[in-house]
Amino acid sequence: MTSGLTACGSKSTSDDEVQRYAWPLGSSSPEDTVTQIYAEKFADEVDRLSDGKMKISVYPNSVLGGDRELLESCKDGDIPFVVQNTAPQVTFMKDTAVFDMPALFETIDEVREHVDNHEFMELMQKVYNDGGYELLGYADQGFRVMTTNKEVTKLSDFKGQKIRTMENSYHMAYWKAIGASPTPMTFSEVYIGLQQGTIDAQENPYEVIVSNKLYEQQDYVVETNHLPHLISLIVSEEFMNGLTDEQQQIIRTAAETAKQYAREQSDERIASKIKTIEGSGTQIITLSDDVHEQIRSECQPIYESIEENVSSDIVDAYLGELADDINY
């Protein structure tokens, strides 16, 4: 299917020629997510800016494959566009592990400022180019936060809590560093795991916590804000190189508009999800600055570990003035 869908991405395609097939964009996320909003806005903008001559069809819910399959198909040019969280990309592009540096930022606006830094984006663009992709931008779903049945107000409260995490060594190292017991688990098993007490806690963005009703099984949401949940929009470099200069510019302009729109939608949706959680009786706990500083101190070995595996130029560009704060 995808070979037919991508067949019109060559330079021989006239700008005045209407596509016979829509180019596919794949995602592993459900429809009611910022990921889908990002993808659909991008497709709509490409259509608008090209006066309907360039068409993109969005395929969510892993219809075209899971995260790994999407990355492989995108690299080969079979699926031109992919929107996904950065976590699965570490296996393919080790420098994307820079986003696994925990407990760095106080606000999501600060995250966006660092991510959008021109020097940093140039360096990351080279990482994606080396992998066979072009990076079109990063939106987000805000921060990842913790849900639990134990009131957490100080560092020692994390001790011994069995928390479900993704199977990511840096994520697991973070929870171990602050005394918790990280437990990798398939996401589909998380709700029942909380219900049956197999796990005590889990961590995810607010959107995931509400859409999957995880808060129903937890008394507290703890705003650990340990990692930003970044969403990348990428395109096959091979496919992009086959387009005309005008078509390439339309795609880049559409991607920038979609990124800003997705971020605005994320902020609005998080505010709504917080109201839903508070209305259910689940309490939201905001940790003090002192606790955040203690957590950051415990994370020093993780920073050092990531620095050993990620380009120092990329780490420096990402951290900026924060480098001094974490004694990097």
Foldseek 3Di string as FASTA:
>chain_A
DLCVQLVQLAAVNDLPAADPHAAEEEEQADCPDLLNLLVVLLQVLLCVVSVNRHGYDYDYNQPVHYPVSNLVCQLVVSRFKYKFWLVVCCVQQVQSCLLLQWLQDDFVVLLVVLQPQPLLQVVVQVSVVVSQKGWLDKAFLAFKWKFFAFDDAALCSQAAFEEEDDPDVSVQLLSVLSHYHYDHDDPVCVQVCLVVVVGGMYIDRLVVCVVVVSLVSGQEIEPSSTGIGMMIMMGGPVSLVRHDPVSNVSSSVSSVVSRVVSNVVSVVVSVVSVVVSVVVNRYYHYYDPVRSLVSLQSSLVSVVVSPVRHPPSSSCSSCPVSCVVSVD
